[in-house]
Amino acid sequence: MTNVIETDRLYLKQWQTSDFAIFAEMNADPEVMQYFPKLLSTTVSNTIAKKCQQLIGDNGWGFWAVSLKDGSKNRNNFIGFVGLNDTHADMSFAPAVEIAWRLRKEYWGQGYATEAAHAALQFAFTELALDDIVSFTAVINQRSQLIMERIGMTNTQQDFYHPMLDPNHLLAEHVLYKITRQQWQDSDITQSYI
């Protein structure tokens, strides 16, 4: 399996230690974390980054660190992560592999998440030969649902309550999106990212 996935504008790659501080800033940003239950401490953020790093090292895939090909605008061109992960065993639809993303807010609205997610789906269906991929988010997170639709996923209409959240929590109710390998192969989605 390839070490780096390349798109027109991005690299999806293994995490570097230099990515951790920027990731921690993202995870402490109320806008970036709007649809998550809480902000993350640097310690927790670093633990997550190390876990992502370990899973990619062990499996050859996971939540890849995403960087811009043109790093001249920024000393560290890490913009977030996009990738694949086994869902928690206590999810009602487990076992499944999910696709997810989280980007620094200054890179929102430029199609980077969509572009990287297209590449992650291609990897899932060609390299891993998976039958389907899911994605989920809080019902109120319209921005992520738009990305799910742009990459060809459809709403299963099987909303669920996230098992790690109190059912009365504002973010507890989640939508579940899905795409099968056949749907991906049959899709005529253009590689338009914006």
N, C-alpha and C. Protein backbone atom coordinates (compact mmCIF):
# COMPACT_ATOMS: atom_id res chain seq x y z
N MET A 1 0.84 -1.19 0.00
CA MET A 1 0.00 0.00 0.00
C MET A 1 0.88 1.25 0.00
N THR A 2 0.35 2.26 -0.63
CA THR A 2 1.12 3.49 -0.77
C THR A 2 1.26 4.22 0.55
N ASN A 3 2.38 4.92 0.71
CA ASN A 3 2.61 5.69 1.92
C ASN A 3 1.95 7.05 1.87
N VAL A 4 1.83 7.61 0.67
CA VAL A 4 1.23 8.94 0.51
C VAL A 4 0.19 8.87 -0.59
N ILE A 5 -0.98 9.41 -0.32
CA ILE A 5 -2.02 9.55 -1.35
C ILE A 5 -1.97 10.99 -1.83
N GLU A 6 -1.95 11.14 -3.14
CA GLU A 6 -1.80 12.47 -3.72
C GLU A 6 -3.06 12.84 -4.48
N THR A 7 -3.52 14.07 -4.32
CA THR A 7 -4.60 14.63 -5.13
C THR A 7 -4.06 15.84 -5.86
N ASP A 8 -4.93 16.56 -6.54
CA ASP A 8 -4.47 17.75 -7.28
C ASP A 8 -3.76 18.74 -6.38
N ARG A 9 -4.30 18.94 -5.17
CA ARG A 9 -3.78 20.01 -4.30
C ARG A 9 -3.23 19.53 -2.97
N LEU A 10 -3.38 18.23 -2.68
CA LEU A 10 -3.14 17.75 -1.32
C LEU A 10 -2.32 16.47 -1.27
N TYR A 11 -1.73 16.25 -0.10
CA TYR A 11 -1.14 14.97 0.26
C TYR A 11 -1.89 14.43 1.47
N LEU A 12 -2.27 13.16 1.43
CA LEU A 12 -2.79 12.45 2.59
C LEU A 12 -1.67 11.51 3.02
N LYS A 13 -1.16 11.70 4.24
CA LYS A 13 0.07 11.00 4.59
C LYS A 13 0.13 10.68 6.08
N GLN A 14 1.23 10.06 6.45
CA GLN A 14 1.47 9.73 7.85
C GLN A 14 1.66 11.02 8.66
N TRP A 15 1.24 10.98 9.90
CA TRP A 15 1.38 12.13 10.79
C TRP A 15 2.84 12.36 11.15
N GLN A 16 3.22 13.64 11.24
CA GLN A 16 4.53 14.04 11.71
C GLN A 16 4.36 14.69 13.09
N THR A 17 5.37 14.62 13.90
CA THR A 17 5.31 15.24 15.22
C THR A 17 4.98 16.72 15.12
N SER A 18 5.43 17.36 14.05
CA SER A 18 5.16 18.80 13.86
C SER A 18 3.69 19.10 13.62
N ASP A 19 2.90 18.08 13.27
CA ASP A 19 1.46 18.27 13.06
C ASP A 19 0.70 18.39 14.39
N PHE A 20 1.27 17.85 15.45
CA PHE A 20 0.53 17.70 16.70
C PHE A 20 0.07 19.03 17.30
N ALA A 21 0.95 20.03 17.30
CA ALA A 21 0.60 21.32 17.92
C ALA A 21 -0.54 22.00 17.17
N ILE A 22 -0.50 21.93 15.84
CA ILE A 22 -1.57 22.54 15.05
C ILE A 22 -2.88 21.78 15.26
N PHE A 23 -2.78 20.46 15.34
CA PHE A 23 -3.96 19.65 15.60
C PHE A 23 -4.57 20.01 16.96
N ALA A 24 -3.72 20.21 17.95
CA ALA A 24 -4.20 20.60 19.28
C ALA A 24 -4.90 21.96 19.24
N GLU A 25 -4.36 22.90 18.46
CA GLU A 25 -5.03 24.20 18.29
C GLU A 25 -6.41 24.03 17.68
N MET A 26 -6.51 23.19 16.67
CA MET A 26 -7.80 22.90 16.04
C MET A 26 -8.79 22.36 17.05
N ASN A 27 -8.34 21.40 17.86
CA ASN A 27 -9.22 20.71 18.80
C ASN A 27 -9.60 21.58 19.99
N ALA A 28 -8.95 22.72 20.13
CA ALA A 28 -9.29 23.68 21.18
C ALA A 28 -10.06 24.87 20.62
N ASP A 29 -10.38 24.82 19.33
CA ASP A 29 -11.07 25.92 18.65
C ASP A 29 -12.59 25.66 18.69
N PRO A 30 -13.36 26.54 19.32
CA PRO A 30 -14.81 26.32 19.43
C PRO A 30 -15.52 26.18 18.08
N GLU A 31 -15.04 26.88 17.05
CA GLU A 31 -15.69 26.76 15.73
C GLU A 31 -15.42 25.39 15.12
N VAL A 32 -14.18 24.94 15.15
CA VAL A 32 -13.84 23.63 14.60
C VAL A 32 -14.59 22.52 15.34
N MET A 33 -14.73 22.69 16.65
CA MET A 33 -15.32 21.65 17.49
C MET A 33 -16.80 21.88 17.78
N GLN A 34 -17.43 22.72 17.00
CA GLN A 34 -18.84 23.08 17.23
C GLN A 34 -19.75 21.86 17.35
N TYR A 35 -19.50 20.82 16.56
CA TYR A 35 -20.39 19.65 16.56
C TYR A 35 -19.79 18.46 17.29
N PHE A 36 -18.90 18.76 18.22
CA PHE A 36 -18.34 17.76 19.11
C PHE A 36 -18.72 18.13 20.53
N PRO A 37 -18.81 17.16 21.44
CA PRO A 37 -19.31 17.45 22.79
C PRO A 37 -18.47 18.42 23.59
N LYS A 38 -17.15 18.46 23.33
CA LYS A 38 -16.31 19.35 24.12
C LYS A 38 -15.01 19.64 23.38
N LEU A 39 -14.33 20.70 23.83
CA LEU A 39 -13.00 21.00 23.33
C LEU A 39 -12.03 19.97 23.93
N LEU A 40 -10.93 19.75 23.24
CA LEU A 40 -9.97 18.77 23.71
C LEU A 40 -8.72 19.45 24.26
N SER A 41 -8.21 18.90 25.33
CA SER A 41 -6.94 19.39 25.87
C SER A 41 -5.81 18.98 24.94
N THR A 42 -4.67 19.61 25.08
CA THR A 42 -3.50 19.24 24.29
C THR A 42 -3.12 17.79 24.52
N THR A 43 -3.20 17.34 25.75
CA THR A 43 -2.85 15.95 26.07
C THR A 43 -3.76 14.97 25.33
N VAL A 44 -5.06 15.21 25.38
CA VAL A 44 -6.01 14.33 24.69
C VAL A 44 -5.80 14.40 23.18
N SER A 45 -5.62 15.61 22.66
CA SER A 45 -5.39 15.79 21.23
C SER A 45 -4.14 15.03 20.78
N ASN A 46 -3.06 15.13 21.54
CA ASN A 46 -1.83 14.42 21.19
C ASN A 46 -2.02 12.91 21.23
N THR A 47 -2.82 12.44 22.18
CA THR A 47 -3.11 11.00 22.27
C THR A 47 -3.83 10.53 21.01
N ILE A 48 -4.79 11.32 20.56
CA ILE A 48 -5.53 10.98 19.33
C ILE A 48 -4.59 10.97 18.13
N ALA A 49 -3.74 11.99 18.01
CA ALA A 49 -2.80 12.07 16.89
C ALA A 49 -1.86 10.88 16.88
N LYS A 50 -1.38 10.50 18.06
CA LYS A 50 -0.47 9.34 18.16
C LYS A 50 -1.19 8.05 17.77
N LYS A 51 -2.47 7.95 18.15
CA LYS A 51 -3.27 6.77 17.78
C LYS A 51 -3.47 6.72 16.26
N CYS A 52 -3.74 7.87 15.66
CA CYS A 52 -3.87 7.92 14.19
C CYS A 52 -2.56 7.49 13.54
N GLN A 53 -1.46 7.99 14.06
CA GLN A 53 -0.13 7.67 13.56
C GLN A 53 0.14 6.16 13.67
N GLN A 54 -0.22 5.60 14.82
CA GLN A 54 0.01 4.18 15.06
C GLN A 54 -0.83 3.31 14.11
N LEU A 55 -2.11 3.66 13.94
CA LEU A 55 -2.98 2.86 13.08
C LEU A 55 -2.53 2.89 11.63
N ILE A 56 -2.06 4.04 11.16
CA ILE A 56 -1.54 4.11 9.79
C ILE A 56 -0.27 3.26 9.69
N GLY A 57 0.58 3.36 10.71
CA GLY A 57 1.79 2.54 10.72
C GLY A 57 1.48 1.05 10.71
N ASP A 58 0.49 0.65 11.49
CA ASP A 58 0.13 -0.77 11.60
C ASP A 58 -0.63 -1.29 10.38
N ASN A 59 -1.58 -0.48 9.87
CA ASN A 59 -2.51 -0.95 8.85
C ASN A 59 -2.26 -0.40 7.45
N GLY A 60 -1.52 0.71 7.36
CA GLY A 60 -1.32 1.34 6.06
C GLY A 60 -2.43 2.30 5.69
N TRP A 61 -3.39 2.50 6.59
CA TRP A 61 -4.49 3.44 6.33
C TRP A 61 -5.07 3.88 7.66
N GLY A 62 -5.90 4.93 7.60
CA GLY A 62 -6.53 5.48 8.80
C GLY A 62 -6.94 6.92 8.56
N PHE A 63 -6.92 7.72 9.61
CA PHE A 63 -7.16 9.15 9.48
C PHE A 63 -5.83 9.78 9.11
N TRP A 64 -5.64 10.04 7.82
CA TRP A 64 -4.37 10.59 7.34
C TRP A 64 -4.25 12.07 7.67
N ALA A 65 -3.04 12.50 7.94
CA ALA A 65 -2.73 13.93 8.03
C ALA A 65 -2.81 14.50 6.62
N VAL A 66 -3.47 15.63 6.47
CA VAL A 66 -3.61 16.26 5.16
C VAL A 66 -2.76 17.51 5.12
N SER A 67 -1.99 17.63 4.05
CA SER A 67 -1.18 18.84 3.89
C SER A 67 -1.33 19.37 2.47
N LEU A 68 -1.15 20.67 2.35
CA LEU A 68 -1.21 21.32 1.04
C LEU A 68 0.07 21.02 0.27
N LYS A 69 -0.07 20.83 -1.03
CA LYS A 69 1.12 20.65 -1.86
C LYS A 69 1.95 21.92 -1.88
N ASP A 70 1.27 23.05 -1.89
CA ASP A 70 1.98 24.33 -1.88
C ASP A 70 2.14 24.78 -0.44
N GLY A 71 3.25 24.45 0.15
CA GLY A 71 3.48 24.79 1.55
C GLY A 71 4.10 26.16 1.74
N SER A 72 4.29 26.90 0.67
CA SER A 72 4.99 28.18 0.78
C SER A 72 4.17 29.22 1.54
N LYS A 73 2.85 29.05 1.57
CA LYS A 73 1.99 30.03 2.25
C LYS A 73 2.08 29.89 3.77
N ASN A 74 2.51 28.73 4.21
CA ASN A 74 2.51 28.45 5.64
C ASN A 74 3.70 27.56 5.95
N ARG A 75 4.41 27.86 7.01
CA ARG A 75 5.59 27.09 7.36
C ARG A 75 5.27 25.61 7.55
N ASN A 76 4.18 25.33 8.22
CA ASN A 76 3.72 23.95 8.36
C ASN A 76 2.40 23.85 7.60
N ASN A 77 2.39 23.05 6.56
CA ASN A 77 1.22 23.02 5.68
C ASN A 77 0.19 21.96 6.06
N PHE A 78 0.23 21.48 7.30
CA PHE A 78 -0.79 20.56 7.84
C PHE A 78 -2.11 21.32 7.97
N ILE A 79 -3.18 20.78 7.38
CA ILE A 79 -4.46 21.48 7.45
C ILE A 79 -5.54 20.67 8.18
N GLY A 80 -5.22 19.46 8.59
CA GLY A 80 -6.20 18.65 9.31
C GLY A 80 -6.08 17.18 8.94
N PHE A 81 -7.15 16.43 9.16
CA PHE A 81 -7.12 15.02 8.77
C PHE A 81 -8.36 14.66 7.98
N VAL A 82 -8.20 13.65 7.13
CA VAL A 82 -9.30 13.03 6.39
C VAL A 82 -8.93 11.57 6.27
N GLY A 83 -9.90 10.70 6.44
CA GLY A 83 -9.57 9.31 6.24
C GLY A 83 -10.61 8.33 6.73
N LEU A 84 -10.13 7.14 7.00
CA LEU A 84 -10.97 5.98 7.27
C LEU A 84 -10.66 5.42 8.65
N ASN A 85 -11.68 4.87 9.28
CA ASN A 85 -11.49 4.31 10.62
C ASN A 85 -12.57 3.26 10.88
N ASP A 86 -12.20 2.22 11.61
CA ASP A 86 -13.22 1.26 12.06
C ASP A 86 -14.12 1.97 13.06
N THR A 87 -15.42 1.80 12.92
CA THR A 87 -16.35 2.43 13.86
C THR A 87 -16.29 1.72 15.21
N HIS A 88 -16.72 2.43 16.25
CA HIS A 88 -16.79 1.84 17.58
C HIS A 88 -17.71 0.62 17.55
N ALA A 89 -17.34 -0.40 18.30
CA ALA A 89 -18.11 -1.64 18.32
C ALA A 89 -19.52 -1.44 18.84
N ASP A 90 -19.74 -0.39 19.65
CA ASP A 90 -21.08 -0.20 20.22
C ASP A 90 -22.02 0.59 19.32
N MET A 91 -21.56 0.94 18.12
CA MET A 91 -22.46 1.58 17.16
C MET A 91 -23.44 0.54 16.63
N SER A 92 -24.68 0.94 16.41
CA SER A 92 -25.71 -0.02 15.99
C SER A 92 -25.41 -0.63 14.62
N PHE A 93 -24.62 0.04 13.79
CA PHE A 93 -24.33 -0.43 12.44
C PHE A 93 -22.94 -1.08 12.34
N ALA A 94 -22.26 -1.25 13.47
CA ALA A 94 -20.94 -1.89 13.48
C ALA A 94 -21.09 -3.39 13.23
N PRO A 95 -20.08 -4.03 12.65
CA PRO A 95 -18.81 -3.45 12.22
C PRO A 95 -18.95 -2.69 10.91
N ALA A 96 -18.22 -1.60 10.80
CA ALA A 96 -18.25 -0.77 9.59
C ALA A 96 -16.99 0.09 9.58
N VAL A 97 -16.66 0.58 8.40
CA VAL A 97 -15.57 1.53 8.27
C VAL A 97 -16.20 2.88 7.92
N GLU A 98 -15.79 3.90 8.66
CA GLU A 98 -16.32 5.24 8.43
C GLU A 98 -15.29 6.10 7.70
N ILE A 99 -15.79 7.12 7.03
CA ILE A 99 -14.95 8.17 6.49
C ILE A 99 -15.27 9.44 7.28
N ALA A 100 -14.23 10.19 7.63
CA ALA A 100 -14.43 11.39 8.44
C ALA A 100 -13.34 12.41 8.12
N TRP A 101 -13.55 13.64 8.60
CA TRP A 101 -12.63 14.73 8.33
C TRP A 101 -12.72 15.77 9.42
N ARG A 102 -11.64 16.52 9.57
CA ARG A 102 -11.62 17.68 10.45
C ARG A 102 -10.50 18.59 9.95
N LEU A 103 -10.85 19.79 9.53
CA LEU A 103 -9.87 20.71 8.98
C LEU A 103 -9.80 22.01 9.78
N ARG A 104 -8.65 22.65 9.71
CA ARG A 104 -8.50 23.98 10.29
C ARG A 104 -9.49 24.92 9.61
N LYS A 105 -10.10 25.82 10.37
CA LYS A 105 -11.20 26.61 9.82
C LYS A 105 -10.78 27.53 8.68
N GLU A 106 -9.50 27.93 8.65
CA GLU A 106 -9.08 28.81 7.55
C GLU A 106 -9.03 28.10 6.21
N TYR A 107 -9.22 26.77 6.24
CA TYR A 107 -9.22 26.00 4.99
C TYR A 107 -10.61 25.47 4.64
N TRP A 108 -11.62 25.92 5.36
CA TRP A 108 -12.99 25.55 5.04
C TRP A 108 -13.44 26.26 3.76
N GLY A 109 -14.41 25.68 3.09
CA GLY A 109 -15.05 26.32 1.95
C GLY A 109 -14.20 26.37 0.69
N GLN A 110 -13.11 25.64 0.67
CA GLN A 110 -12.25 25.63 -0.52
C GLN A 110 -12.20 24.25 -1.19
N GLY A 111 -13.04 23.35 -0.71
CA GLY A 111 -13.14 22.03 -1.32
C GLY A 111 -12.09 21.03 -0.91
N TYR A 112 -11.28 21.36 0.09
CA TYR A 112 -10.20 20.45 0.48
C TYR A 112 -10.73 19.17 1.11
N ALA A 113 -11.74 19.28 1.97
CA ALA A 113 -12.29 18.08 2.61
C ALA A 113 -12.89 17.15 1.55
N THR A 114 -13.62 17.72 0.61
CA THR A 114 -14.23 16.93 -0.46
C THR A 114 -13.16 16.25 -1.31
N GLU A 115 -12.14 17.01 -1.67
CA GLU A 115 -11.06 16.47 -2.50
C GLU A 115 -10.36 15.30 -1.80
N ALA A 116 -10.02 15.50 -0.54
CA ALA A 116 -9.34 14.44 0.21
C ALA A 116 -10.27 13.24 0.44
N ALA A 117 -11.55 13.52 0.69
CA ALA A 117 -12.51 12.43 0.92
C ALA A 117 -12.69 11.58 -0.34
N HIS A 118 -12.70 12.21 -1.52
CA HIS A 118 -12.76 11.45 -2.77
C HIS A 118 -11.58 10.47 -2.84
N ALA A 119 -10.39 10.96 -2.48
CA ALA A 119 -9.19 10.11 -2.51
C ALA A 119 -9.29 8.98 -1.49
N ALA A 120 -9.82 9.28 -0.32
CA ALA A 120 -9.97 8.25 0.71
C ALA A 120 -10.97 7.17 0.27
N LEU A 121 -12.06 7.59 -0.38
CA LEU A 121 -13.03 6.61 -0.89
C LEU A 121 -12.39 5.73 -1.96
N GLN A 122 -11.63 6.35 -2.85
CA GLN A 122 -10.96 5.56 -3.88
C GLN A 122 -10.05 4.51 -3.25
N PHE A 123 -9.31 4.90 -2.23
CA PHE A 123 -8.45 3.96 -1.53
C PHE A 123 -9.28 2.85 -0.89
N ALA A 124 -10.38 3.21 -0.26
CA ALA A 124 -11.23 2.23 0.42
C ALA A 124 -11.76 1.17 -0.54
N PHE A 125 -12.18 1.63 -1.73
CA PHE A 125 -12.83 0.70 -2.65
C PHE A 125 -11.86 -0.01 -3.59
N THR A 126 -10.69 0.57 -3.84
CA THR A 126 -9.74 -0.08 -4.75
C THR A 126 -8.65 -0.83 -3.98
N GLU A 127 -8.00 -0.17 -3.04
CA GLU A 127 -6.91 -0.80 -2.30
C GLU A 127 -7.42 -1.78 -1.24
N LEU A 128 -8.45 -1.38 -0.50
CA LEU A 128 -8.96 -2.22 0.58
C LEU A 128 -10.11 -3.12 0.12
N ALA A 129 -10.68 -2.83 -1.05
CA ALA A 129 -11.79 -3.62 -1.61
C ALA A 129 -12.95 -3.74 -0.63
N LEU A 130 -13.25 -2.66 0.09
CA LEU A 130 -14.38 -2.67 1.02
C LEU A 130 -15.69 -2.65 0.25
N ASP A 131 -16.73 -3.20 0.86
CA ASP A 131 -18.04 -3.24 0.21
C ASP A 131 -18.79 -1.93 0.35
N ASP A 132 -18.59 -1.25 1.48
CA ASP A 132 -19.28 0.02 1.70
C ASP A 132 -18.55 0.84 2.76
N ILE A 133 -18.89 2.11 2.79
CA ILE A 133 -18.32 3.06 3.75
C ILE A 133 -19.49 3.86 4.33
N VAL A 134 -19.40 4.13 5.62
CA VAL A 134 -20.42 4.96 6.27
C VAL A 134 -19.80 6.28 6.73
N SER A 135 -20.65 7.22 7.02
CA SER A 135 -20.24 8.47 7.65
C SER A 135 -21.41 8.94 8.49
N PHE A 136 -21.11 9.60 9.58
CA PHE A 136 -22.19 10.05 10.46
C PHE A 136 -21.76 11.34 11.15
N THR A 137 -22.78 12.11 11.51
CA THR A 137 -22.55 13.36 12.22
C THR A 137 -23.85 13.76 12.90
N ALA A 138 -23.74 14.75 13.76
CA ALA A 138 -24.95 15.26 14.42
C ALA A 138 -25.93 15.77 13.36
N VAL A 139 -27.21 15.54 13.61
CA VAL A 139 -28.26 15.96 12.67
C VAL A 139 -28.13 17.44 12.31
N ILE A 140 -27.69 18.25 13.27
CA ILE A 140 -27.62 19.69 13.03
C ILE A 140 -26.37 20.12 12.26
N ASN A 141 -25.46 19.19 11.98
CA ASN A 141 -24.22 19.53 11.27
C ASN A 141 -24.44 19.45 9.75
N GLN A 142 -25.01 20.52 9.21
CA GLN A 142 -25.33 20.54 7.78
C GLN A 142 -24.08 20.59 6.90
N ARG A 143 -23.03 21.24 7.38
CA ARG A 143 -21.81 21.39 6.57
C ARG A 143 -21.21 20.02 6.24
N SER A 144 -21.10 19.15 7.22
CA SER A 144 -20.54 17.82 6.96
C SER A 144 -21.47 16.98 6.09
N GLN A 145 -22.77 17.14 6.27
CA GLN A 145 -23.71 16.39 5.44
C GLN A 145 -23.59 16.79 3.98
N LEU A 146 -23.31 18.05 3.71
CA LEU A 146 -23.10 18.49 2.33
C LEU A 146 -21.88 17.81 1.71
N ILE A 147 -20.82 17.67 2.49
CA ILE A 147 -19.63 16.98 1.99
C ILE A 147 -19.96 15.52 1.71
N MET A 148 -20.70 14.88 2.60
CA MET A 148 -21.10 13.49 2.39
C MET A 148 -21.85 13.35 1.06
N GLU A 149 -22.75 14.28 0.79
CA GLU A 149 -23.51 14.23 -0.46
C GLU A 149 -22.62 14.50 -1.67
N ARG A 150 -21.67 15.42 -1.53
CA ARG A 150 -20.76 15.73 -2.64
C ARG A 150 -19.90 14.54 -3.03
N ILE A 151 -19.60 13.67 -2.08
CA ILE A 151 -18.77 12.51 -2.40
C ILE A 151 -19.61 11.28 -2.74
N GLY A 152 -20.91 11.48 -2.95
CA GLY A 152 -21.77 10.42 -3.45
C GLY A 152 -22.47 9.59 -2.41
N MET A 153 -22.36 9.97 -1.14
CA MET A 153 -23.03 9.21 -0.09
C MET A 153 -24.50 9.61 -0.02
N THR A 154 -25.32 8.69 0.46
CA THR A 154 -26.74 8.99 0.61
C THR A 154 -27.16 8.77 2.06
N ASN A 155 -28.12 9.57 2.46
CA ASN A 155 -28.66 9.47 3.81
C ASN A 155 -29.48 8.18 3.90
N THR A 156 -29.11 7.32 4.84
CA THR A 156 -29.81 6.04 5.00
C THR A 156 -31.19 6.21 5.64
N GLN A 157 -31.46 7.42 6.17
CA GLN A 157 -32.70 7.68 6.92
C GLN A 157 -32.77 6.82 8.18
N GLN A 158 -31.61 6.38 8.66
CA GLN A 158 -31.54 5.57 9.88
C GLN A 158 -30.85 6.38 10.98
N ASP A 159 -31.47 7.49 11.36
CA ASP A 159 -30.90 8.32 12.42
C ASP A 159 -30.75 7.48 13.69
N PHE A 160 -29.75 7.84 14.47
CA PHE A 160 -29.49 7.10 15.71
C PHE A 160 -28.95 8.06 16.76
N TYR A 161 -29.00 7.62 17.98
CA TYR A 161 -28.45 8.40 19.09
C TYR A 161 -27.05 7.87 19.40
N HIS A 162 -26.09 8.79 19.40
CA HIS A 162 -24.70 8.38 19.61
C HIS A 162 -24.57 7.73 20.99
N PRO A 163 -24.01 6.52 21.07
CA PRO A 163 -23.97 5.81 22.35
C PRO A 163 -23.09 6.47 23.42
N MET A 164 -22.22 7.38 23.00
CA MET A 164 -21.34 8.02 23.98
C MET A 164 -21.91 9.34 24.51
N LEU A 165 -23.11 9.70 24.04
CA LEU A 165 -23.72 10.94 24.48
C LEU A 165 -25.05 10.68 25.17
N ASP A 166 -25.38 11.50 26.14
CA ASP A 166 -26.69 11.44 26.78
C ASP A 166 -27.75 11.70 25.70
N PRO A 167 -28.82 10.92 25.67
CA PRO A 167 -29.85 11.10 24.63
C PRO A 167 -30.43 12.51 24.57
N ASN A 168 -30.36 13.25 25.69
CA ASN A 168 -30.88 14.61 25.69
C ASN A 168 -29.87 15.66 25.23
N HIS A 169 -28.65 15.25 24.96
CA HIS A 169 -27.61 16.17 24.51
C HIS A 169 -27.97 16.74 23.15
N LEU A 170 -27.66 18.00 22.93
CA LEU A 170 -27.96 18.69 21.67
C LEU A 170 -27.39 17.93 20.46
N LEU A 171 -26.26 17.27 20.63
CA LEU A 171 -25.58 16.60 19.51
C LEU A 171 -25.85 15.10 19.45
N ALA A 172 -26.71 14.59 20.32
CA ALA A 172 -26.88 13.13 20.44
C ALA A 172 -27.45 12.49 19.18
N GLU A 173 -28.44 13.14 18.56
CA GLU A 173 -29.07 12.52 17.39
C GLU A 173 -28.17 12.70 16.17
N HIS A 174 -27.86 11.58 15.52
CA HIS A 174 -26.95 11.56 14.38
C HIS A 174 -27.64 11.03 13.13
N VAL A 175 -27.18 11.52 11.99
CA VAL A 175 -27.58 10.96 10.70
C VAL A 175 -26.52 9.94 10.29
N LEU A 176 -26.94 8.97 9.52
CA LEU A 176 -26.03 7.95 9.01
C LEU A 176 -26.08 7.96 7.48
N TYR A 177 -24.94 8.25 6.88
CA TYR A 177 -24.81 8.23 5.43
C TYR A 177 -24.01 7.00 5.02
N LYS A 178 -24.19 6.58 3.76
CA LYS A 178 -23.51 5.37 3.30
C LYS A 178 -23.28 5.45 1.79
N ILE A 179 -22.21 4.78 1.34
CA ILE A 179 -21.99 4.56 -0.09
C ILE A 179 -21.42 3.16 -0.26
N THR A 180 -21.93 2.43 -1.25
CA THR A 180 -21.40 1.10 -1.54
C THR A 180 -20.35 1.21 -2.64
N ARG A 181 -19.56 0.17 -2.75
CA ARG A 181 -18.56 0.16 -3.83
C ARG A 181 -19.24 0.25 -5.19
N GLN A 182 -20.37 -0.45 -5.34
CA GLN A 182 -21.09 -0.40 -6.62
C GLN A 182 -21.59 1.02 -6.91
N GLN A 183 -22.13 1.68 -5.90
CA GLN A 183 -22.58 3.07 -6.10
C GLN A 183 -21.41 3.96 -6.48
N TRP A 184 -20.27 3.75 -5.83
CA TRP A 184 -19.08 4.54 -6.13
C TRP A 184 -18.62 4.30 -7.57
N GLN A 185 -18.63 3.03 -8.00
CA GLN A 185 -18.21 2.69 -9.36
C GLN A 185 -19.17 3.26 -10.40
N ASP A 186 -20.46 3.28 -10.06
CA ASP A 186 -21.49 3.74 -11.00
C ASP A 186 -21.64 5.26 -11.02
N SER A 187 -21.07 5.93 -10.02
CA SER A 187 -21.31 7.37 -9.88
C SER A 187 -20.62 8.14 -10.99
N ASP A 188 -21.24 9.23 -11.37
CA ASP A 188 -20.63 10.12 -12.36
C ASP A 188 -20.28 11.46 -11.69
N ILE A 189 -19.92 11.35 -10.41
CA ILE A 189 -19.57 12.56 -9.66
C ILE A 189 -18.31 13.15 -10.27
N THR A 190 -18.38 14.41 -10.61
CA THR A 190 -17.20 15.08 -11.14
C THR A 190 -16.26 15.40 -10.00
N GLN A 191 -15.03 15.60 -10.33
CA GLN A 191 -14.04 15.94 -9.31
C GLN A 191 -14.05 17.43 -9.03
N SER A 192 -15.23 18.00 -8.98
CA SER A 192 -15.38 19.41 -8.61
C SER A 192 -15.44 19.48 -7.10
N TYR A 193 -14.59 20.31 -6.52
CA TYR A 193 -14.45 20.29 -5.07
C TYR A 193 -15.12 21.43 -4.36
N ILE A 194 -15.64 22.38 -5.08
CA ILE A 194 -16.24 23.54 -4.41
C ILE A 194 -17.72 23.63 -4.76
